[in-house]
PDB file of N, CA and C in Angstrom:
ATOM      1  N   UNK A   1       0.853  -1.181   0.000  1.00  0.00           N
ATOM      2  CA  UNK A   1       0.000   0.000   0.000  1.00  0.00           C
ATOM      3  C   UNK A   1       0.898   1.243   0.000  1.00  0.00           C
ATOM      4  N   UNK A   2       0.725   2.110  -0.979  1.00  0.00           N
ATOM      5  CA  UNK A   2       1.559   3.312  -1.044  1.00  0.00           C
ATOM      6  C   UNK A   2       1.337   4.235   0.158  1.00  0.00           C
ATOM      7  N   UNK A   3       2.384   4.919   0.530  1.00  0.00           N
ATOM      8  CA  UNK A   3       2.310   5.867   1.643  1.00  0.00           C
ATOM      9  C   UNK A   3       1.461   7.073   1.248  1.00  0.00           C
ATOM     10  N   UNK A   4       1.128   7.870   2.240  1.00  0.00           N
ATOM     11  CA  UNK A   4       0.358   9.094   2.019  1.00  0.00           C
ATOM     12  C   UNK A   4       1.101  10.043   1.069  1.00  0.00           C
ATOM     13  N   UNK A   5       2.423  10.174   1.277  1.00  0.00           N
ATOM     14  CA  UNK A   5       3.220  11.056   0.437  1.00  0.00           C
ATOM     15  C   UNK A   5       3.268  10.553  -1.010  1.00  0.00           C
ATOM     16  N   UNK A   6       3.405   9.248  -1.190  1.00  0.00           N
ATOM     17  CA  UNK A   6       3.424   8.683  -2.542  1.00  0.00           C
ATOM     18  C   UNK A   6       2.096   8.945  -3.238  1.00  0.00           C
ATOM     19  N   UNK A   7       0.997   8.755  -2.537  1.00  0.00           N
ATOM     20  CA  UNK A   7      -0.318   9.028  -3.123  1.00  0.00           C
ATOM     21  C   UNK A   7      -0.456  10.505  -3.493  1.00  0.00           C
ATOM     22  N   UNK A   8       0.024  11.370  -2.618  1.00  0.00           N
ATOM     23  CA  UNK A   8      -0.034  12.811  -2.872  1.00  0.00           C
ATOM     24  C   UNK A   8       0.789  13.158  -4.120  1.00  0.00           C
ATOM     25  N   UNK A   9       1.985  12.558  -4.219  1.00  0.00           N
ATOM     26  CA  UNK A   9       2.824  12.795  -5.390  1.00  0.00           C
ATOM     27  C   UNK A   9       2.144  12.309  -6.666  1.00  0.00           C
ATOM     28  N   UNK A  10       1.620  11.094  -6.651  1.00  0.00           N
ATOM     29  CA  UNK A  10       0.997  10.537  -7.853  1.00  0.00           C
ATOM     30  C   UNK A  10      -0.177  11.386  -8.320  1.00  0.00           C
ATOM     31  N   UNK A  11      -0.954  11.895  -7.381  1.00  0.00           N
ATOM     32  CA  UNK A  11      -2.072  12.776  -7.726  1.00  0.00           C
ATOM     33  C   UNK A  11      -1.540  14.063  -8.359  1.00  0.00           C
ATOM     34  N   UNK A  12      -0.533  14.661  -7.722  1.00  0.00           N
ATOM     35  CA  UNK A  12       0.060  15.886  -8.248  1.00  0.00           C
ATOM     36  C   UNK A  12       0.636  15.646  -9.641  1.00  0.00           C
ATOM     37  N   UNK A  13       1.311  14.533  -9.809  1.00  0.00           N
ATOM     38  CA  UNK A  13       1.959  14.209 -11.081  1.00  0.00           C
ATOM     39  C   UNK A  13       0.928  14.043 -12.205  1.00  0.00           C
ATOM     40  N   UNK A  14      -0.166  13.369 -11.900  1.00  0.00           N
ATOM     41  CA  UNK A  14      -1.232  13.206 -12.908  1.00  0.00           C
ATOM     42  C   UNK A  14      -1.833  14.553 -13.299  1.00  0.00           C
ATOM     43  N   UNK A  15      -1.986  15.433 -12.342  1.00  0.00           N
ATOM     44  CA  UNK A  15      -2.617  16.732 -12.590  1.00  0.00           C
ATOM     45  C   UNK A  15      -1.669  17.766 -13.180  1.00  0.00           C
ATOM     46  N   UNK A  16      -0.359  17.522 -13.084  1.00  0.00           N
ATOM     47  CA  UNK A  16       0.645  18.492 -13.533  1.00  0.00           C
ATOM     48  C   UNK A  16       1.773  17.819 -14.318  1.00  0.00           C
ATOM     49  N   UNK A  17       1.468  17.184 -15.438  1.00  0.00           N
ATOM     50  CA  UNK A  17       2.512  16.466 -16.183  1.00  0.00           C
ATOM     51  C   UNK A  17       3.618  17.382 -16.702  1.00  0.00           C
ATOM     52  N   UNK A  18       3.320  18.669 -16.847  1.00  0.00           N
ATOM     53  CA  UNK A  18       4.328  19.611 -17.335  1.00  0.00           C
ATOM     54  C   UNK A  18       5.498  19.770 -16.362  1.00  0.00           C
ATOM     55  N   UNK A  19       5.268  19.480 -15.095  1.00  0.00           N
ATOM     56  CA  UNK A  19       6.352  19.593 -14.108  1.00  0.00           C
ATOM     57  C   UNK A  19       7.425  18.545 -14.400  1.00  0.00           C
ATOM     58  N   UNK A  20       7.015  17.298 -14.664  1.00  0.00           N
ATOM     59  CA  UNK A  20       7.991  16.253 -14.976  1.00  0.00           C
ATOM     60  C   UNK A  20       8.704  16.552 -16.299  1.00  0.00           C
ATOM     61  N   UNK A  21       7.979  17.057 -17.271  1.00  0.00           N
ATOM     62  CA  UNK A  21       8.616  17.402 -18.548  1.00  0.00           C
ATOM     63  C   UNK A  21       9.722  18.431 -18.324  1.00  0.00           C
ATOM     64  N   UNK A  22       9.444  19.408 -17.483  1.00  0.00           N
ATOM     65  CA  UNK A  22      10.441  20.439 -17.185  1.00  0.00           C
ATOM     66  C   UNK A  22      11.598  19.846 -16.391  1.00  0.00           C
ATOM     67  N   UNK A  23      11.299  18.950 -15.447  1.00  0.00           N
ATOM     68  CA  UNK A  23      12.343  18.278 -14.666  1.00  0.00           C
ATOM     69  C   UNK A  23      13.292  17.533 -15.603  1.00  0.00           C
ATOM     70  N   UNK A  24      12.723  16.796 -16.557  1.00  0.00           N
ATOM     71  CA  UNK A  24      13.527  16.032 -17.514  1.00  0.00           C
ATOM     72  C   UNK A  24      14.397  16.970 -18.342  1.00  0.00           C
ATOM     73  N   UNK A  25      13.820  18.068 -18.801  1.00  0.00           N
ATOM     74  CA  UNK A  25      14.565  19.029 -19.605  1.00  0.00           C
ATOM     75  C   UNK A  25      15.786  19.546 -18.842  1.00  0.00           C
ATOM     76  N   UNK A  26      15.578  19.962 -17.620  1.00  0.00           N
ATOM     77  CA  UNK A  26      16.678  20.498 -16.807  1.00  0.00           C
ATOM     78  C   UNK A  26      17.699  19.397 -16.502  1.00  0.00           C
ATOM     79  N   UNK A  27      17.227  18.212 -16.141  1.00  0.00           N
ATOM     80  CA  UNK A  27      18.129  17.109 -15.795  1.00  0.00           C
ATOM     81  C   UNK A  27      18.964  16.673 -17.003  1.00  0.00           C
ATOM     82  N   UNK A  28      18.342  16.565 -18.167  1.00  0.00           N
ATOM     83  CA  UNK A  28      19.100  16.147 -19.352  1.00  0.00           C
ATOM     84  C   UNK A  28      20.162  17.176 -19.728  1.00  0.00           C
ATOM     85  N   UNK A  29      19.848  18.445 -19.578  1.00  0.00           N
ATOM     86  CA  UNK A  29      20.861  19.473 -19.840  1.00  0.00           C
ATOM     87  C   UNK A  29      22.012  19.348 -18.847  1.00  0.00           C
ATOM     88  N   UNK A  30      21.686  19.020 -17.611  1.00  0.00           N
ATOM     89  CA  UNK A  30      22.723  18.866 -16.585  1.00  0.00           C
ATOM     90  C   UNK A  30      23.621  17.662 -16.868  1.00  0.00           C
ATOM     91  N   UNK A  31      23.076  16.626 -17.498  1.00  0.00           N
ATOM     92  CA  UNK A  31      23.896  15.438 -17.803  1.00  0.00           C
ATOM     93  C   UNK A  31      25.015  15.770 -18.786  1.00  0.00           C
ATOM     94  N   UNK A  32      24.860  16.847 -19.518  1.00  0.00           N
ATOM     95  CA  UNK A  32      25.875  17.227 -20.505  1.00  0.00           C
ATOM     96  C   UNK A  32      27.144  17.778 -19.853  1.00  0.00           C
ATOM     97  N   UNK A  33      27.006  18.295 -18.646  1.00  0.00           N
ATOM     98  CA  UNK A  33      28.146  18.940 -17.991  1.00  0.00           C
ATOM     99  C   UNK A  33      28.493  18.362 -16.618  1.00  0.00           C
ATOM    100  N   UNK A  34      27.664  17.454 -16.117  1.00  0.00           N
ATOM    101  CA  UNK A  34      27.895  16.890 -14.778  1.00  0.00           C
ATOM    102  C   UNK A  34      27.773  15.369 -14.816  1.00  0.00           C
ATOM    103  N   UNK A  35      28.561  14.705 -13.975  1.00  0.00           N
ATOM    104  CA  UNK A  35      28.435  13.252 -13.827  1.00  0.00           C
ATOM    105  C   UNK A  35      27.348  12.898 -12.821  1.00  0.00           C
ATOM    106  N   UNK A  36      27.146  13.769 -11.834  1.00  0.00           N
ATOM    107  CA  UNK A  36      26.133  13.586 -10.795  1.00  0.00           C
ATOM    108  C   UNK A  36      25.471  14.930 -10.562  1.00  0.00           C
ATOM    109  N   UNK A  37      24.227  14.875 -10.090  1.00  0.00           N
ATOM    110  CA  UNK A  37      23.496  16.111  -9.839  1.00  0.00           C
ATOM    111  C   UNK A  37      22.460  15.814  -8.771  1.00  0.00           C
ATOM    112  N   UNK A  38      21.905  16.840  -8.171  1.00  0.00           N
ATOM    113  CA  UNK A  38      20.909  16.650  -7.124  1.00  0.00           C
ATOM    114  C   UNK A  38      19.512  17.013  -7.587  1.00  0.00           C
ATOM    115  N   UNK A  39      18.549  16.257  -7.124  1.00  0.00           N
ATOM    116  CA  UNK A  39      17.153  16.543  -7.447  1.00  0.00           C
ATOM    117  C   UNK A  39      16.715  17.908  -6.941  1.00  0.00           C
ATOM    118  N   UNK A  40      17.206  18.273  -5.761  1.00  0.00           N
ATOM    119  CA  UNK A  40      16.881  19.603  -5.224  1.00  0.00           C
ATOM    120  C   UNK A  40      17.431  20.691  -6.138  1.00  0.00           C
ATOM    121  N   UNK A  41      18.614  20.462  -6.669  1.00  0.00           N
ATOM    122  CA  UNK A  41      19.222  21.437  -7.577  1.00  0.00           C
ATOM    123  C   UNK A  41      18.386  21.573  -8.851  1.00  0.00           C
ATOM    124  N   UNK A  42      17.829  20.480  -9.329  1.00  0.00           N
ATOM    125  CA  UNK A  42      16.957  20.547 -10.508  1.00  0.00           C
ATOM    126  C   UNK A  42      15.730  21.399 -10.186  1.00  0.00           C
ATOM    127  N   UNK A  43      15.127  21.161  -9.025  1.00  0.00           N
ATOM    128  CA  UNK A  43      13.965  21.958  -8.622  1.00  0.00           C
ATOM    129  C   UNK A  43      14.314  23.442  -8.563  1.00  0.00           C
ATOM    130  N   UNK A  44      15.455  23.763  -7.955  1.00  0.00           N
ATOM    131  CA  UNK A  44      15.848  25.165  -7.836  1.00  0.00           C
ATOM    132  C   UNK A  44      16.111  25.782  -9.203  1.00  0.00           C
ATOM    133  N   UNK A  45      16.700  25.007 -10.095  1.00  0.00           N
ATOM    134  CA  UNK A  45      16.938  25.499 -11.456  1.00  0.00           C
ATOM    135  C   UNK A  45      15.607  25.734 -12.175  1.00  0.00           C
ATOM    136  N   UNK A  46      14.659  24.836 -11.972  1.00  0.00           N
ATOM    137  CA  UNK A  46      13.332  25.006 -12.565  1.00  0.00           C
ATOM    138  C   UNK A  46      12.704  26.309 -12.072  1.00  0.00           C
ATOM    139  N   UNK A  47      12.820  26.549 -10.795  1.00  0.00           N
ATOM    140  CA  UNK A  47      12.255  27.773 -10.219  1.00  0.00           C
ATOM    141  C   UNK A  47      12.965  29.008 -10.767  1.00  0.00           C
ATOM    142  N   UNK A  48      14.267  28.905 -10.922  1.00  0.00           N
ATOM    143  CA  UNK A  48      15.054  30.038 -11.390  1.00  0.00           C
ATOM    144  C   UNK A  48      14.726  30.365 -12.853  1.00  0.00           C
ATOM    145  N   UNK A  49      14.613  29.331 -13.675  1.00  0.00           N
ATOM    146  CA  UNK A  49      14.451  29.532 -15.112  1.00  0.00           C
ATOM    147  C   UNK A  49      13.026  29.850 -15.547  1.00  0.00           C
ATOM    148  N   UNK A  50      12.056  29.426 -14.789  1.00  0.00           N
ATOM    149  CA  UNK A  50      10.673  29.573 -15.232  1.00  0.00           C
ATOM    150  C   UNK A  50       9.780  30.053 -14.104  1.00  0.00           C
ATOM    151  N   UNK A  51       8.574  30.342 -14.461  1.00  0.00           N
ATOM    152  CA  UNK A  51       7.569  30.690 -13.458  1.00  0.00           C
ATOM    153  C   UNK A  51       6.670  29.490 -13.200  1.00  0.00           C
ATOM    154  N   UNK A  52       7.249  28.301 -13.276  1.00  0.00           N
ATOM    155  CA  UNK A  52       6.479  27.061 -13.161  1.00  0.00           C
ATOM    156  C   UNK A  52       5.743  26.970 -11.827  1.00  0.00           C
ATOM    157  N   UNK A  53       6.330  27.495 -10.760  1.00  0.00           N
ATOM    158  CA  UNK A  53       5.682  27.404  -9.448  1.00  0.00           C
ATOM    159  C   UNK A  53       4.336  28.120  -9.475  1.00  0.00           C
ATOM    160  N   UNK A  54       4.291  29.302 -10.049  1.00  0.00           N
ATOM    161  CA  UNK A  54       3.031  30.041 -10.072  1.00  0.00           C
ATOM    162  C   UNK A  54       2.061  29.496 -11.106  1.00  0.00           C
ATOM    163  N   UNK A  55       2.548  28.699 -12.063  1.00  0.00           N
ATOM    164  CA  UNK A  55       1.654  28.169 -13.090  1.00  0.00           C
ATOM    165  C   UNK A  55       1.007  26.851 -12.688  1.00  0.00           C
ATOM    166  N   UNK A  56       1.342  26.331 -11.537  1.00  0.00           N
ATOM    167  CA  UNK A  56       0.779  25.063 -11.067  1.00  0.00           C
ATOM    168  C   UNK A  56      -0.469  25.372 -10.244  1.00  0.00           C
ATOM    169  N   UNK A  57      -1.544  25.601 -10.921  1.00  0.00           N
ATOM    170  CA  UNK A  57      -2.820  25.955 -10.301  1.00  0.00           C
ATOM    171  C   UNK A  57      -2.574  26.798  -9.054  1.00  0.00           C
ATOM    172  N   UNK A  58      -3.071  26.347  -7.913  1.00  0.00           N
ATOM    173  CA  UNK A  58      -2.860  27.112  -6.679  1.00  0.00           C
ATOM    174  C   UNK A  58      -1.801  26.455  -5.800  1.00  0.00           C
ATOM    175  N   UNK A  59      -1.270  25.329  -6.266  1.00  0.00           N
ATOM    176  CA  UNK A  59      -0.273  24.609  -5.476  1.00  0.00           C
ATOM    177  C   UNK A  59       1.126  25.114  -5.791  1.00  0.00           C
ATOM    178  N   UNK A  60       2.040  24.815  -4.913  1.00  0.00           N
ATOM    179  CA  UNK A  60       3.448  25.121  -5.152  1.00  0.00           C
ATOM    180  C   UNK A  60       4.192  23.815  -5.365  1.00  0.00           C
ATOM    181  N   UNK A  61       5.345  23.927  -5.976  1.00  0.00           N
ATOM    182  CA  UNK A  61       6.190  22.768  -6.206  1.00  0.00           C
ATOM    183  C   UNK A  61       6.721  22.289  -4.854  1.00  0.00           C
ATOM    184  N   UNK A  62       6.322  21.120  -4.455  1.00  0.00           N
ATOM    185  CA  UNK A  62       6.642  20.580  -3.128  1.00  0.00           C
ATOM    186  C   UNK A  62       8.056  19.985  -3.121  1.00  0.00           C
ATOM    187  N   UNK A  63       8.899  20.477  -2.241  1.00  0.00           N
ATOM    188  CA  UNK A  63      10.269  19.973  -2.160  1.00  0.00           C
ATOM    189  C   UNK A  63      10.327  18.478  -1.843  1.00  0.00           C
ATOM    190  N   UNK A  64       9.293  17.952  -1.222  1.00  0.00           N
ATOM    191  CA  UNK A  64       9.269  16.519  -0.901  1.00  0.00           C
ATOM    192  C   UNK A  64       9.116  15.646  -2.135  1.00  0.00           C
ATOM    193  N   UNK A  65       8.824  16.254  -3.284  1.00  0.00           N
ATOM    194  CA  UNK A  65       8.596  15.468  -4.491  1.00  0.00           C
ATOM    195  C   UNK A  65       9.860  15.219  -5.302  1.00  0.00           C
ATOM    196  N   UNK A  66      10.951  15.924  -5.017  1.00  0.00           N
ATOM    197  CA  UNK A  66      12.128  15.736  -5.872  1.00  0.00           C
ATOM    198  C   UNK A  66      12.648  14.298  -5.875  1.00  0.00           C
ATOM    199  N   UNK A  67      12.594  13.532  -4.769  1.00  0.00           N
ATOM    200  CA  UNK A  67      13.048  12.136  -4.863  1.00  0.00           C
ATOM    201  C   UNK A  67      12.189  11.302  -5.818  1.00  0.00           C
ATOM    202  N   UNK A  68      10.905  11.618  -5.884  1.00  0.00           N
ATOM    203  CA  UNK A  68      10.017  10.893  -6.803  1.00  0.00           C
ATOM    204  C   UNK A  68      10.400  11.193  -8.249  1.00  0.00           C
ATOM    205  N   UNK A  69      10.619  12.472  -8.537  1.00  0.00           N
ATOM    206  CA  UNK A  69      10.988  12.845  -9.900  1.00  0.00           C
ATOM    207  C   UNK A  69      12.342  12.256 -10.287  1.00  0.00           C
ATOM    208  N   UNK A  70      13.272  12.174  -9.352  1.00  0.00           N
ATOM    209  CA  UNK A  70      14.566  11.543  -9.633  1.00  0.00           C
ATOM    210  C   UNK A  70      14.388  10.080 -10.011  1.00  0.00           C
ATOM    211  N   UNK A  71      13.509   9.385  -9.314  1.00  0.00           N
ATOM    212  CA  UNK A  71      13.284   7.979  -9.615  1.00  0.00           C
ATOM    213  C   UNK A  71      12.556   7.794 -10.947  1.00  0.00           C
ATOM    214  N   UNK A  72      11.609   8.661 -11.247  1.00  0.00           N
ATOM    215  CA  UNK A  72      10.953   8.597 -12.555  1.00  0.00           C
ATOM    216  C   UNK A  72      11.986   8.798 -13.665  1.00  0.00           C
ATOM    217  N   UNK A  73      12.863   9.765 -13.473  1.00  0.00           N
ATOM    218  CA  UNK A  73      13.915  10.036 -14.449  1.00  0.00           C
ATOM    219  C   UNK A  73      14.797   8.802 -14.628  1.00  0.00           C
ATOM    220  N   UNK A  74      15.172   8.175 -13.524  1.00  0.00           N
ATOM    221  CA  UNK A  74      16.012   6.978 -13.574  1.00  0.00           C
ATOM    222  C   UNK A  74      15.317   5.848 -14.321  1.00  0.00           C
ATOM    223  N   UNK A  75      14.020   5.700 -14.117  1.00  0.00           N
ATOM    224  CA  UNK A  75      13.291   4.647 -14.814  1.00  0.00           C
ATOM    225  C   UNK A  75      13.162   4.941 -16.305  1.00  0.00           C
ATOM    226  N   UNK A  76      12.940   6.193 -16.647  1.00  0.00           N
ATOM    227  CA  UNK A  76      12.746   6.535 -18.052  1.00  0.00           C
ATOM    228  C   UNK A  76      14.068   6.648 -18.814  1.00  0.00           C
ATOM    229  N   UNK A  77      15.131   7.010 -18.129  1.00  0.00           N
ATOM    230  CA  UNK A  77      16.438   7.189 -18.755  1.00  0.00           C
ATOM    231  C   UNK A  77      17.474   6.321 -18.042  1.00  0.00           C
ATOM    232  N   UNK A  78      17.410   4.999 -18.238  1.00  0.00           N
ATOM    233  CA  UNK A  78      18.316   4.099 -17.510  1.00  0.00           C
ATOM    234  C   UNK A  78      19.794   4.348 -17.819  1.00  0.00           C
ATOM    235  N   UNK A  79      20.086   4.968 -18.947  1.00  0.00           N
ATOM    236  CA  UNK A  79      21.479   5.292 -19.260  1.00  0.00           C
ATOM    237  C   UNK A  79      22.041   6.335 -18.287  1.00  0.00           C
ATOM    238  N   UNK A  80      21.161   7.008 -17.556  1.00  0.00           N
ATOM    239  CA  UNK A  80      21.580   8.003 -16.557  1.00  0.00           C
ATOM    240  C   UNK A  80      21.237   7.554 -15.136  1.00  0.00           C
ATOM    241  N   UNK A  81      21.165   6.261 -14.913  1.00  0.00           N
ATOM    242  CA  UNK A  81      20.703   5.763 -13.612  1.00  0.00           C
ATOM    243  C   UNK A  81      21.620   6.136 -12.451  1.00  0.00           C
ATOM    244  N   UNK A  82      22.853   6.506 -12.728  1.00  0.00           N
ATOM    245  CA  UNK A  82      23.773   6.903 -11.648  1.00  0.00           C
ATOM    246  C   UNK A  82      23.900   8.421 -11.531  1.00  0.00           C
ATOM    247  N   UNK A  83      23.123   9.150 -12.329  1.00  0.00           N
ATOM    248  CA  UNK A  83      23.207  10.601 -12.333  1.00  0.00           C
ATOM    249  C   UNK A  83      22.746  11.187 -11.002  1.00  0.00           C
ATOM    250  N   UNK A  84      21.623  10.672 -10.496  1.00  0.00           N
ATOM    251  CA  UNK A  84      21.137  11.069  -9.173  1.00  0.00           C
ATOM    252  C   UNK A  84      21.529   9.988  -8.185  1.00  0.00           C
ATOM    253  N   UNK A  85      22.104  10.372  -7.081  1.00  0.00           N
ATOM    254  CA  UNK A  85      22.450   9.405  -6.038  1.00  0.00           C
ATOM    255  C   UNK A  85      21.252   9.280  -5.116  1.00  0.00           C
ATOM    256  N   UNK A  86      20.683   8.095  -5.105  1.00  0.00           N
ATOM    257  CA  UNK A  86      19.462   7.877  -4.331  1.00  0.00           C
ATOM    258  C   UNK A  86      19.763   7.383  -2.929  1.00  0.00           C
ATOM    259  N   UNK A  87      19.198   8.065  -1.957  1.00  0.00           N
ATOM    260  CA  UNK A  87      19.186   7.559  -0.592  1.00  0.00           C
ATOM    261  C   UNK A  87      17.893   6.783  -0.432  1.00  0.00           C
ATOM    262  N   UNK A  88      17.845   5.909   0.540  1.00  0.00           N
ATOM    263  CA  UNK A  88      16.605   5.188   0.823  1.00  0.00           C
ATOM    264  C   UNK A  88      15.512   6.215   1.092  1.00  0.00           C
ATOM    265  N   UNK A  89      14.359   6.028   0.459  1.00  0.00           N
ATOM    266  CA  UNK A  89      13.298   7.025   0.525  1.00  0.00           C
ATOM    267  C   UNK A  89      11.946   6.369   0.313  1.00  0.00           C
ATOM    268  N   UNK A  90      10.914   7.037   0.784  1.00  0.00           N
ATOM    269  CA  UNK A  90       9.561   6.575   0.515  1.00  0.00           C
ATOM    270  C   UNK A  90       9.309   6.590  -0.998  1.00  0.00           C
ATOM    271  N   UNK A  91      10.053   7.402  -1.729  1.00  0.00           N
ATOM    272  CA  UNK A  91       9.921   7.461  -3.189  1.00  0.00           C
ATOM    273  C   UNK A  91      10.313   6.137  -3.842  1.00  0.00           C
ATOM    274  N   UNK A  92      11.031   5.280  -3.125  1.00  0.00           N
ATOM    275  CA  UNK A  92      11.373   3.957  -3.657  1.00  0.00           C
ATOM    276  C   UNK A  92      10.123   3.127  -3.938  1.00  0.00           C
ATOM    277  N   UNK A  93       9.008   3.519  -3.352  1.00  0.00           N
ATOM    278  CA  UNK A  93       7.752   2.812  -3.620  1.00  0.00           C
ATOM    279  C   UNK A  93       7.395   2.849  -5.100  1.00  0.00           C
ATOM    280  N   UNK A  94       7.861   3.852  -5.811  1.00  0.00           N
ATOM    281  CA  UNK A  94       7.578   3.918  -7.249  1.00  0.00           C
ATOM    282  C   UNK A  94       8.122   2.697  -7.973  1.00  0.00           C
ATOM    283  N   UNK A  95       9.285   2.200  -7.529  1.00  0.00           N
ATOM    284  CA  UNK A  95       9.857   1.008  -8.163  1.00  0.00           C
ATOM    285  C   UNK A  95       8.936  -0.188  -8.003  1.00  0.00           C
ATOM    286  N   UNK A  96       8.314  -0.308  -6.834  1.00  0.00           N
ATOM    287  CA  UNK A  96       7.394  -1.418  -6.593  1.00  0.00           C
ATOM    288  C   UNK A  96       6.086  -1.225  -7.347  1.00  0.00           C
ATOM    289  N   UNK A  97       5.578   0.003  -7.329  1.00  0.00           N
ATOM    290  CA  UNK A  97       4.307   0.287  -7.998  1.00  0.00           C
ATOM    291  C   UNK A  97       4.395  -0.020  -9.482  1.00  0.00           C
ATOM    292  N   UNK A  98       5.513   0.317 -10.090  1.00  0.00           N
ATOM    293  CA  UNK A  98       5.659   0.131 -11.521  1.00  0.00           C
ATOM    294  C   UNK A  98       6.564  -1.031 -11.883  1.00  0.00           C
ATOM    295  N   UNK A  99       6.826  -1.912 -10.895  1.00  0.00           N
ATOM    296  CA  UNK A  99       7.593  -3.133 -11.112  1.00  0.00           C
ATOM    297  C   UNK A  99       8.837  -2.871 -11.932  1.00  0.00           C
ATOM    298  N   UNK A 100       9.568  -1.840 -11.535  1.00  0.00           N
ATOM    299  CA  UNK A 100      10.773  -1.450 -12.253  1.00  0.00           C
ATOM    300  C   UNK A 100      11.895  -2.435 -11.996  1.00  0.00           C
ATOM    301  N   UNK A 101      12.601  -2.761 -13.068  1.00  0.00           N
ATOM    302  CA  UNK A 101      13.809  -3.568 -12.975  1.00  0.00           C
ATOM    303  C   UNK A 101      14.919  -2.799 -13.671  1.00  0.00           C
ATOM    304  N   UNK A 102      16.144  -2.988 -13.238  1.00  0.00           N
ATOM    305  CA  UNK A 102      17.249  -2.256 -13.855  1.00  0.00           C
ATOM    306  C   UNK A 102      17.463  -2.679 -15.304  1.00  0.00           C
ATOM    307  N   UNK A 103      17.082  -3.882 -15.645  1.00  0.00           N
ATOM    308  CA  UNK A 103      17.154  -4.319 -17.031  1.00  0.00           C
ATOM    309  C   UNK A 103      15.787  -4.098 -17.643  1.00  0.00           C
ATOM    310  N   UNK A 104      15.665  -3.133 -18.562  1.00  0.00           N
ATOM    311  CA  UNK A 104      14.350  -2.826 -19.139  1.00  0.00           C
ATOM    312  C   UNK A 104      13.753  -4.023 -19.884  1.00  0.00           C
ATOM    313  N   UNK A 105      12.454  -4.118 -19.841  1.00  0.00           N
ATOM    314  CA  UNK A 105      11.738  -5.133 -20.593  1.00  0.00           C
ATOM    315  C   UNK A 105      10.516  -4.470 -21.215  1.00  0.00           C
ATOM    316  N   UNK A 106       9.830  -5.175 -22.084  1.00  0.00           N
ATOM    317  CA  UNK A 106       8.754  -4.550 -22.861  1.00  0.00           C
ATOM    318  C   UNK A 106       7.630  -4.003 -21.994  1.00  0.00           C
ATOM    319  N   UNK A 107       7.296  -4.629 -20.883  1.00  0.00           N
ATOM    320  CA  UNK A 107       6.212  -4.136 -20.028  1.00  0.00           C
ATOM    321  C   UNK A 107       6.604  -2.853 -19.302  1.00  0.00           C
ATOM    322  N   UNK A 108       7.887  -2.660 -19.092  1.00  0.00           N
ATOM    323  CA  UNK A 108       8.342  -1.464 -18.384  1.00  0.00           C
ATOM    324  C   UNK A 108       7.995  -0.213 -19.192  1.00  0.00           C
ATOM    325  N   UNK A 109       8.136  -0.272 -20.513  1.00  0.00           N
ATOM    326  CA  UNK A 109       7.786   0.884 -21.341  1.00  0.00           C
ATOM    327  C   UNK A 109       6.316   1.232 -21.188  1.00  0.00           C
ATOM    328  N   UNK A 110       5.464   0.240 -21.137  1.00  0.00           N
ATOM    329  CA  UNK A 110       4.032   0.491 -20.965  1.00  0.00           C
ATOM    330  C   UNK A 110       3.758   1.096 -19.597  1.00  0.00           C
ATOM    331  N   UNK A 111       4.464   0.635 -18.582  1.00  0.00           N
ATOM    332  CA  UNK A 111       4.273   1.186 -17.241  1.00  0.00           C
ATOM    333  C   UNK A 111       4.728   2.631 -17.180  1.00  0.00           C
ATOM    334  N   UNK A 112       5.825   2.949 -17.851  1.00  0.00           N
ATOM    335  CA  UNK A 112       6.320   4.320 -17.854  1.00  0.00           C
ATOM    336  C   UNK A 112       5.389   5.249 -18.621  1.00  0.00           C
ATOM    337  N   UNK A 113       4.605   4.712 -19.534  1.00  0.00           N
ATOM    338  CA  UNK A 113       3.634   5.534 -20.242  1.00  0.00           C
ATOM    339  C   UNK A 113       2.641   6.170 -19.281  1.00  0.00           C
ATOM    340  N   UNK A 114       2.465   5.589 -18.120  1.00  0.00           N
ATOM    341  CA  UNK A 114       1.574   6.166 -17.113  1.00  0.00           C
ATOM    342  C   UNK A 114       2.066   7.525 -16.664  1.00  0.00           C
ATOM    343  N   UNK A 115       3.361   7.799 -16.835  1.00  0.00           N
ATOM    344  CA  UNK A 115       3.934   9.067 -16.404  1.00  0.00           C
ATOM    345  C   UNK A 115       3.843  10.131 -17.482  1.00  0.00           C
ATOM    346  N   UNK A 116       3.516   9.719 -18.680  1.00  0.00           N
ATOM    347  CA  UNK A 116       3.450  10.662 -19.789  1.00  0.00           C
ATOM    348  C   UNK A 116       2.000  11.044 -20.019  1.00  0.00           C
ATOM    349  N   UNK A 117       1.794  12.214 -20.597  1.00  0.00           N
ATOM    350  CA  UNK A 117       0.403  12.599 -20.877  1.00  0.00           C
ATOM    351  C   UNK A 117      -0.006  12.200 -22.277  1.00  0.00           C
TER     352      UNK A 117
END
């Protein structure tokens, strides 16, 4: 059973898919110049570069969500799986929810489609 925070993240993610798209954009640009990067740094860069925080209905970008976005990025871009250093987190529930394996298989692509709009 997913935690309260995981449920909150999944709801936010479904309602605001543009946030993940922006996260991916910033993270992929960072991969060009860095071997490792932090999810918090991606969030801060997003805030610096755009007005995304004010464009998310009445909600703000929750700092507790960056571990979730890091894991989504890792699942979608396995070639960058070491880019974010993951500490044990409630966000690890995403791996169980979407039955993620480090070796991609055909069902994994379908599961990741849930993150795309």
